[in-house]
Amino acid sequence: MIFSDAELEYLIDHPLGRLASIGPDGAPQAHPVAFRVNPDSRLVEIGGPELPRSQKFRNVTADPRVSFVVDDQSDTPNPIGQTGRGIEIRGRIEITAQDPPLVPGFSQRILRLHPHRIISWNIGELRPAAPGRPPHLQGYHSRNIPS
């Protein structure tokens, strides 16, 4: 399982994110993107109109390492008063095609994100922070995803 049930539900409910790729000069570049979680593979798929002509496409063609973030503010604070929540997925991009496209008007090319690390905060139930960690990290969870 790539995502917990709570993480999967959060991603499905929040279809806009930011993809950080590595630009030609080695500097990070952040790109707002539309995405979906593929119901079969449970992988994040990113699309866009004329995607192959975009800087993000050129960036991931040259270096497939990325970080992808989806976050927001909850209407209600959690039990320790925090409202910020989200998920970061670090991994590599596979460029593939999909017919029909993710959304009408998008190109058939998509960026499929294969995660190797997932970090989430304030999604799902709070668990005690690990020994020696500050209490505000109760909602923070991170794990590596085996290849």
N, C-alpha and C. Protein backbone atom coordinates (compact mmCIF):
# COMPACT_ATOMS: atom_id res chain seq x y z
N MET A 1 0.85 -1.18 0.00
CA MET A 1 0.00 0.00 0.00
C MET A 1 0.89 1.24 0.00
N ILE A 2 0.68 2.12 -0.96
CA ILE A 2 1.49 3.33 -1.07
C ILE A 2 1.02 4.38 -0.07
N PHE A 3 -0.29 4.66 -0.06
CA PHE A 3 -0.85 5.69 0.80
C PHE A 3 -1.75 5.05 1.85
N SER A 4 -1.78 5.67 3.04
CA SER A 4 -2.76 5.24 4.04
C SER A 4 -4.14 5.62 3.51
N ASP A 5 -5.18 5.07 4.11
CA ASP A 5 -6.55 5.41 3.69
C ASP A 5 -6.80 6.92 3.83
N ALA A 6 -6.33 7.51 4.94
CA ALA A 6 -6.54 8.95 5.17
C ALA A 6 -5.77 9.78 4.14
N GLU A 7 -4.55 9.38 3.80
CA GLU A 7 -3.77 10.11 2.80
C GLU A 7 -4.43 10.01 1.43
N LEU A 8 -4.89 8.83 1.08
CA LEU A 8 -5.54 8.63 -0.21
C LEU A 8 -6.80 9.50 -0.31
N GLU A 9 -7.61 9.49 0.72
CA GLU A 9 -8.83 10.31 0.74
C GLU A 9 -8.48 11.79 0.60
N TYR A 10 -7.43 12.22 1.31
CA TYR A 10 -7.01 13.63 1.24
C TYR A 10 -6.59 13.99 -0.19
N LEU A 11 -5.78 13.15 -0.83
CA LEU A 11 -5.34 13.42 -2.19
C LEU A 11 -6.50 13.46 -3.18
N ILE A 12 -7.44 12.57 -3.03
CA ILE A 12 -8.60 12.53 -3.93
C ILE A 12 -9.44 13.80 -3.76
N ASP A 13 -9.55 14.29 -2.53
CA ASP A 13 -10.35 15.49 -2.25
C ASP A 13 -9.66 16.81 -2.60
N HIS A 14 -8.36 16.78 -2.89
CA HIS A 14 -7.59 18.00 -3.17
C HIS A 14 -6.83 17.83 -4.49
N PRO A 15 -7.46 18.09 -5.63
CA PRO A 15 -6.86 17.75 -6.93
C PRO A 15 -5.85 18.76 -7.49
N LEU A 16 -5.39 19.71 -6.68
CA LEU A 16 -4.37 20.66 -7.13
C LEU A 16 -3.15 20.54 -6.22
N GLY A 17 -1.98 20.56 -6.82
CA GLY A 17 -0.75 20.45 -6.03
C GLY A 17 0.36 21.25 -6.68
N ARG A 18 1.55 21.14 -6.10
CA ARG A 18 2.72 21.80 -6.63
C ARG A 18 3.82 20.77 -6.83
N LEU A 19 4.34 20.75 -8.04
CA LEU A 19 5.41 19.84 -8.41
C LEU A 19 6.71 20.62 -8.43
N ALA A 20 7.69 20.19 -7.66
CA ALA A 20 9.02 20.80 -7.68
C ALA A 20 9.92 19.91 -8.51
N SER A 21 10.47 20.49 -9.57
CA SER A 21 11.39 19.76 -10.43
C SER A 21 12.73 20.49 -10.42
N ILE A 22 13.72 19.89 -11.04
CA ILE A 22 15.07 20.46 -11.09
C ILE A 22 15.26 21.11 -12.45
N GLY A 23 15.48 22.42 -12.44
CA GLY A 23 15.64 23.18 -13.68
C GLY A 23 16.98 22.94 -14.35
N PRO A 24 17.15 23.47 -15.56
CA PRO A 24 18.38 23.23 -16.31
C PRO A 24 19.64 23.75 -15.62
N ASP A 25 19.49 24.76 -14.76
CA ASP A 25 20.66 25.28 -14.04
C ASP A 25 20.86 24.62 -12.69
N GLY A 26 20.05 23.59 -12.39
CA GLY A 26 20.15 22.86 -11.13
C GLY A 26 19.32 23.44 -10.00
N ALA A 27 18.66 24.55 -10.25
CA ALA A 27 17.81 25.18 -9.23
C ALA A 27 16.43 24.54 -9.24
N PRO A 28 15.78 24.46 -8.06
CA PRO A 28 14.42 23.92 -8.03
C PRO A 28 13.43 24.87 -8.68
N GLN A 29 12.41 24.31 -9.31
CA GLN A 29 11.32 25.09 -9.90
C GLN A 29 10.01 24.48 -9.44
N ALA A 30 9.11 25.31 -8.94
CA ALA A 30 7.80 24.85 -8.48
C ALA A 30 6.75 25.14 -9.54
N HIS A 31 5.89 24.14 -9.78
CA HIS A 31 4.88 24.25 -10.83
C HIS A 31 3.52 23.86 -10.24
N PRO A 32 2.51 24.76 -10.28
CA PRO A 32 1.16 24.35 -9.88
C PRO A 32 0.62 23.38 -10.93
N VAL A 33 0.00 22.29 -10.46
CA VAL A 33 -0.46 21.25 -11.39
C VAL A 33 -1.79 20.64 -10.93
N ALA A 34 -2.52 20.13 -11.92
CA ALA A 34 -3.70 19.31 -11.67
C ALA A 34 -3.25 17.85 -11.69
N PHE A 35 -3.86 17.02 -10.86
CA PHE A 35 -3.45 15.62 -10.78
C PHE A 35 -4.63 14.76 -10.39
N ARG A 36 -4.40 13.47 -10.44
CA ARG A 36 -5.35 12.49 -9.90
C ARG A 36 -4.53 11.34 -9.36
N VAL A 37 -5.16 10.54 -8.51
CA VAL A 37 -4.56 9.28 -8.06
C VAL A 37 -5.19 8.19 -8.92
N ASN A 38 -4.35 7.45 -9.64
CA ASN A 38 -4.85 6.37 -10.49
C ASN A 38 -5.52 5.33 -9.61
N PRO A 39 -6.79 4.97 -9.90
CA PRO A 39 -7.51 4.04 -9.02
C PRO A 39 -6.92 2.63 -9.00
N ASP A 40 -6.20 2.24 -10.05
CA ASP A 40 -5.63 0.89 -10.10
C ASP A 40 -4.23 0.84 -9.48
N SER A 41 -3.34 1.70 -9.94
CA SER A 41 -1.95 1.66 -9.46
C SER A 41 -1.75 2.42 -8.16
N ARG A 42 -2.67 3.33 -7.83
CA ARG A 42 -2.57 4.21 -6.67
C ARG A 42 -1.39 5.17 -6.77
N LEU A 43 -0.94 5.44 -8.00
CA LEU A 43 0.13 6.40 -8.23
C LEU A 43 -0.47 7.74 -8.63
N VAL A 44 0.22 8.82 -8.29
CA VAL A 44 -0.19 10.17 -8.67
C VAL A 44 0.14 10.38 -10.15
N GLU A 45 -0.84 10.88 -10.90
CA GLU A 45 -0.66 11.19 -12.32
C GLU A 45 -0.94 12.67 -12.53
N ILE A 46 0.01 13.35 -13.17
CA ILE A 46 -0.05 14.79 -13.37
C ILE A 46 -0.21 15.07 -14.86
N GLY A 47 -1.11 15.97 -15.17
CA GLY A 47 -1.34 16.32 -16.57
C GLY A 47 -1.39 17.82 -16.77
N GLY A 48 -1.68 18.20 -18.00
CA GLY A 48 -1.82 19.62 -18.31
C GLY A 48 -2.01 19.82 -19.80
N PRO A 49 -2.52 21.00 -20.19
CA PRO A 49 -2.65 21.29 -21.61
C PRO A 49 -1.26 21.46 -22.21
N GLU A 50 -1.02 20.84 -23.34
CA GLU A 50 0.27 20.92 -24.03
C GLU A 50 1.44 20.62 -23.09
N LEU A 51 1.27 19.60 -22.26
CA LEU A 51 2.29 19.23 -21.27
C LEU A 51 3.69 19.07 -21.88
N PRO A 52 3.84 18.40 -23.04
CA PRO A 52 5.19 18.22 -23.59
C PRO A 52 5.92 19.52 -23.93
N ARG A 53 5.20 20.63 -24.03
CA ARG A 53 5.83 21.92 -24.33
C ARG A 53 6.19 22.69 -23.08
N SER A 54 5.89 22.15 -21.90
CA SER A 54 6.09 22.88 -20.65
C SER A 54 7.52 22.72 -20.10
N GLN A 55 7.90 23.68 -19.26
CA GLN A 55 9.21 23.62 -18.60
C GLN A 55 9.28 22.42 -17.67
N LYS A 56 8.20 22.11 -16.96
CA LYS A 56 8.22 20.96 -16.05
C LYS A 56 8.49 19.67 -16.81
N PHE A 57 7.92 19.53 -18.01
CA PHE A 57 8.14 18.34 -18.83
C PHE A 57 9.61 18.25 -19.23
N ARG A 58 10.18 19.37 -19.68
CA ARG A 58 11.59 19.37 -20.05
C ARG A 58 12.46 19.06 -18.84
N ASN A 59 12.10 19.62 -17.68
CA ASN A 59 12.88 19.36 -16.47
C ASN A 59 12.88 17.88 -16.10
N VAL A 60 11.71 17.24 -16.07
CA VAL A 60 11.66 15.84 -15.64
C VAL A 60 12.20 14.89 -16.70
N THR A 61 12.23 15.34 -17.96
CA THR A 61 12.87 14.55 -19.01
C THR A 61 14.38 14.49 -18.75
N ALA A 62 14.95 15.60 -18.32
CA ALA A 62 16.39 15.67 -18.05
C ALA A 62 16.75 15.03 -16.70
N ASP A 63 15.89 15.21 -15.70
CA ASP A 63 16.15 14.67 -14.36
C ASP A 63 14.80 14.32 -13.73
N PRO A 64 14.47 13.04 -13.59
CA PRO A 64 13.13 12.65 -13.14
C PRO A 64 12.88 12.80 -11.63
N ARG A 65 13.84 13.27 -10.86
CA ARG A 65 13.64 13.43 -9.42
C ARG A 65 12.76 14.64 -9.13
N VAL A 66 11.73 14.44 -8.31
CA VAL A 66 10.79 15.52 -7.99
C VAL A 66 10.34 15.43 -6.54
N SER A 67 9.70 16.50 -6.12
CA SER A 67 8.96 16.54 -4.87
C SER A 67 7.59 17.13 -5.22
N PHE A 68 6.54 16.54 -4.67
CA PHE A 68 5.17 16.95 -4.98
C PHE A 68 4.45 17.23 -3.66
N VAL A 69 3.81 18.40 -3.55
CA VAL A 69 3.14 18.79 -2.32
C VAL A 69 1.68 19.15 -2.58
N VAL A 70 0.82 18.64 -1.71
CA VAL A 70 -0.60 19.03 -1.66
C VAL A 70 -0.85 19.41 -0.21
N ASP A 71 -1.33 20.63 0.03
CA ASP A 71 -1.59 21.05 1.40
C ASP A 71 -2.70 22.09 1.44
N ASP A 72 -3.22 22.32 2.65
CA ASP A 72 -4.26 23.32 2.84
C ASP A 72 -4.39 23.61 4.33
N GLN A 73 -5.38 24.40 4.66
CA GLN A 73 -5.73 24.71 6.04
C GLN A 73 -7.08 24.08 6.35
N SER A 74 -7.14 23.31 7.42
CA SER A 74 -8.41 22.72 7.85
C SER A 74 -9.29 23.82 8.44
N ASP A 75 -10.60 23.66 8.30
CA ASP A 75 -11.53 24.60 8.92
C ASP A 75 -11.51 24.49 10.44
N THR A 76 -11.17 23.30 10.93
CA THR A 76 -11.19 23.05 12.36
C THR A 76 -9.80 22.65 12.86
N PRO A 77 -9.31 23.28 13.92
CA PRO A 77 -8.01 22.88 14.45
C PRO A 77 -8.04 21.44 14.98
N ASN A 78 -6.91 20.77 14.90
CA ASN A 78 -6.82 19.42 15.48
C ASN A 78 -6.71 19.55 17.00
N PRO A 79 -6.66 18.45 17.74
CA PRO A 79 -6.64 18.54 19.21
C PRO A 79 -5.48 19.35 19.81
N ILE A 80 -4.41 19.56 19.05
CA ILE A 80 -3.31 20.38 19.59
C ILE A 80 -3.29 21.78 18.96
N GLY A 81 -4.39 22.16 18.27
CA GLY A 81 -4.56 23.52 17.79
C GLY A 81 -4.03 23.81 16.40
N GLN A 82 -3.54 22.83 15.68
CA GLN A 82 -2.99 23.06 14.35
C GLN A 82 -4.06 22.96 13.27
N THR A 83 -3.94 23.80 12.24
CA THR A 83 -4.87 23.73 11.12
C THR A 83 -4.17 23.34 9.81
N GLY A 84 -2.88 23.53 9.73
CA GLY A 84 -2.14 23.16 8.53
C GLY A 84 -2.09 21.65 8.37
N ARG A 85 -2.25 21.19 7.14
CA ARG A 85 -2.19 19.75 6.87
C ARG A 85 -1.75 19.54 5.43
N GLY A 86 -1.20 18.39 5.16
CA GLY A 86 -0.79 18.12 3.79
C GLY A 86 0.04 16.87 3.65
N ILE A 87 0.56 16.71 2.45
CA ILE A 87 1.37 15.54 2.13
C ILE A 87 2.45 15.96 1.13
N GLU A 88 3.65 15.47 1.34
CA GLU A 88 4.75 15.64 0.39
C GLU A 88 5.15 14.26 -0.10
N ILE A 89 5.31 14.14 -1.40
CA ILE A 89 5.71 12.86 -2.00
C ILE A 89 7.01 13.12 -2.76
N ARG A 90 8.06 12.44 -2.37
CA ARG A 90 9.34 12.55 -3.07
C ARG A 90 9.52 11.30 -3.91
N GLY A 91 9.97 11.47 -5.13
CA GLY A 91 10.14 10.30 -5.98
C GLY A 91 10.66 10.66 -7.34
N ARG A 92 10.34 9.80 -8.29
CA ARG A 92 10.79 10.00 -9.67
C ARG A 92 9.59 9.94 -10.60
N ILE A 93 9.72 10.63 -11.72
CA ILE A 93 8.66 10.72 -12.71
C ILE A 93 8.90 9.74 -13.85
N GLU A 94 7.84 9.09 -14.25
CA GLU A 94 7.81 8.29 -15.48
C GLU A 94 6.89 9.04 -16.44
N ILE A 95 7.37 9.28 -17.66
CA ILE A 95 6.54 9.95 -18.67
C ILE A 95 5.83 8.87 -19.47
N THR A 96 4.52 8.99 -19.55
CA THR A 96 3.72 8.00 -20.27
C THR A 96 2.56 8.71 -20.97
N ALA A 97 1.71 7.96 -21.62
CA ALA A 97 0.56 8.54 -22.32
C ALA A 97 -0.72 7.91 -21.81
N GLN A 98 -1.79 8.65 -21.95
CA GLN A 98 -3.10 8.15 -21.52
C GLN A 98 -4.16 8.63 -22.50
N ASP A 99 -4.99 7.70 -22.94
CA ASP A 99 -6.08 8.04 -23.86
C ASP A 99 -7.37 7.49 -23.29
N PRO A 100 -8.33 8.30 -22.93
CA PRO A 100 -8.38 9.75 -23.08
C PRO A 100 -7.48 10.43 -22.04
N PRO A 101 -7.21 11.75 -22.22
CA PRO A 101 -6.38 12.46 -21.26
C PRO A 101 -7.04 12.54 -19.88
N LEU A 102 -6.26 12.94 -18.88
CA LEU A 102 -6.78 13.05 -17.51
C LEU A 102 -8.02 13.94 -17.46
N VAL A 103 -7.98 15.04 -18.18
CA VAL A 103 -9.06 16.03 -18.19
C VAL A 103 -9.24 16.48 -19.65
N PRO A 104 -10.47 16.70 -20.11
CA PRO A 104 -10.63 17.21 -21.47
C PRO A 104 -9.81 18.49 -21.66
N GLY A 105 -9.11 18.56 -22.77
CA GLY A 105 -8.25 19.72 -23.05
C GLY A 105 -6.80 19.51 -22.64
N PHE A 106 -6.51 18.47 -21.86
CA PHE A 106 -5.13 18.17 -21.48
C PHE A 106 -4.50 17.32 -22.57
N SER A 107 -3.18 17.32 -22.62
CA SER A 107 -2.48 16.46 -23.57
C SER A 107 -2.59 15.00 -23.10
N GLN A 108 -2.31 14.06 -23.98
CA GLN A 108 -2.37 12.65 -23.61
C GLN A 108 -1.14 12.23 -22.82
N ARG A 109 -0.08 13.00 -22.88
CA ARG A 109 1.11 12.69 -22.10
C ARG A 109 0.84 13.02 -20.64
N ILE A 110 1.30 12.16 -19.74
CA ILE A 110 1.16 12.41 -18.31
C ILE A 110 2.48 12.13 -17.61
N LEU A 111 2.61 12.69 -16.42
CA LEU A 111 3.74 12.45 -15.56
C LEU A 111 3.25 11.55 -14.43
N ARG A 112 3.79 10.35 -14.35
CA ARG A 112 3.38 9.40 -13.31
C ARG A 112 4.46 9.40 -12.23
N LEU A 113 4.05 9.71 -11.01
CA LEU A 113 4.99 9.85 -9.89
C LEU A 113 5.12 8.53 -9.13
N HIS A 114 6.34 8.01 -9.11
CA HIS A 114 6.67 6.80 -8.35
C HIS A 114 7.34 7.24 -7.05
N PRO A 115 6.64 7.15 -5.91
CA PRO A 115 7.19 7.67 -4.66
C PRO A 115 8.28 6.79 -4.06
N HIS A 116 9.24 7.45 -3.41
CA HIS A 116 10.20 6.71 -2.59
C HIS A 116 10.15 7.18 -1.14
N ARG A 117 9.52 8.33 -0.90
CA ARG A 117 9.32 8.81 0.47
C ARG A 117 8.02 9.60 0.54
N ILE A 118 7.25 9.38 1.60
CA ILE A 118 6.00 10.11 1.82
C ILE A 118 6.06 10.73 3.20
N ILE A 119 5.75 12.02 3.25
CA ILE A 119 5.72 12.77 4.51
C ILE A 119 4.33 13.41 4.58
N SER A 120 3.61 13.16 5.65
CA SER A 120 2.29 13.79 5.80
C SER A 120 2.20 14.43 7.17
N TRP A 121 1.36 15.45 7.27
CA TRP A 121 1.16 16.11 8.54
C TRP A 121 -0.31 16.43 8.72
N ASN A 122 -0.80 16.05 9.90
CA ASN A 122 -2.17 16.32 10.32
C ASN A 122 -3.22 15.76 9.37
N ILE A 123 -2.93 14.60 8.81
CA ILE A 123 -3.90 13.85 8.01
C ILE A 123 -4.17 12.56 8.76
N GLY A 124 -5.41 12.30 9.05
CA GLY A 124 -5.75 11.11 9.81
C GLY A 124 -5.62 11.36 11.30
N GLU A 125 -5.53 10.30 12.04
CA GLU A 125 -5.49 10.39 13.50
C GLU A 125 -4.12 10.84 13.99
N LEU A 126 -4.15 11.63 15.07
CA LEU A 126 -2.90 12.01 15.72
C LEU A 126 -2.38 10.81 16.52
N ARG A 127 -1.09 10.62 16.46
CA ARG A 127 -0.44 9.61 17.28
C ARG A 127 0.62 10.31 18.11
N PRO A 128 0.98 9.77 19.24
CA PRO A 128 2.02 10.44 20.04
C PRO A 128 3.29 10.64 19.22
N ALA A 129 3.94 11.77 19.45
CA ALA A 129 5.21 12.03 18.78
C ALA A 129 6.22 10.99 19.26
N ALA A 130 7.17 10.67 18.41
CA ALA A 130 8.22 9.71 18.76
C ALA A 130 8.97 10.21 19.99
N PRO A 131 9.53 9.30 20.78
CA PRO A 131 10.27 9.72 21.98
C PRO A 131 11.33 10.77 21.64
N GLY A 132 11.38 11.82 22.46
CA GLY A 132 12.35 12.87 22.26
C GLY A 132 11.96 13.92 21.24
N ARG A 133 10.80 13.76 20.59
CA ARG A 133 10.36 14.74 19.60
C ARG A 133 9.34 15.69 20.22
N PRO A 134 9.30 16.93 19.77
CA PRO A 134 8.35 17.89 20.34
C PRO A 134 6.90 17.46 20.11
N PRO A 135 6.00 17.82 21.03
CA PRO A 135 4.59 17.42 20.92
C PRO A 135 3.89 17.92 19.66
N HIS A 136 4.33 19.04 19.10
CA HIS A 136 3.65 19.55 17.91
C HIS A 136 3.86 18.64 16.69
N LEU A 137 4.72 17.64 16.81
CA LEU A 137 4.94 16.71 15.71
C LEU A 137 4.05 15.46 15.82
N GLN A 138 3.02 15.52 16.66
CA GLN A 138 2.12 14.37 16.80
C GLN A 138 1.46 13.98 15.49
N GLY A 139 1.17 14.95 14.66
CA GLY A 139 0.50 14.66 13.39
C GLY A 139 1.44 14.42 12.24
N TYR A 140 2.74 14.38 12.49
CA TYR A 140 3.76 14.26 11.44
C TYR A 140 4.13 12.79 11.27
N HIS A 141 4.07 12.30 10.04
CA HIS A 141 4.42 10.92 9.74
C HIS A 141 5.27 10.87 8.49
N SER A 142 6.30 10.07 8.49
CA SER A 142 7.12 9.92 7.29
C SER A 142 7.54 8.47 7.16
N ARG A 143 7.70 8.05 5.91
CA ARG A 143 8.12 6.67 5.67
C ARG A 143 8.71 6.55 4.28
N ASN A 144 9.59 5.60 4.12
CA ASN A 144 10.14 5.28 2.82
C ASN A 144 9.25 4.23 2.15
N ILE A 145 9.17 4.31 0.84
CA ILE A 145 8.39 3.36 0.05
C ILE A 145 9.37 2.47 -0.69
N PRO A 146 9.32 1.16 -0.46
CA PRO A 146 10.25 0.29 -1.17
C PRO A 146 10.01 0.32 -2.68
N SER A 147 11.09 0.23 -3.43
CA SER A 147 10.98 0.25 -4.90
C SER A 147 10.43 -1.05 -5.43
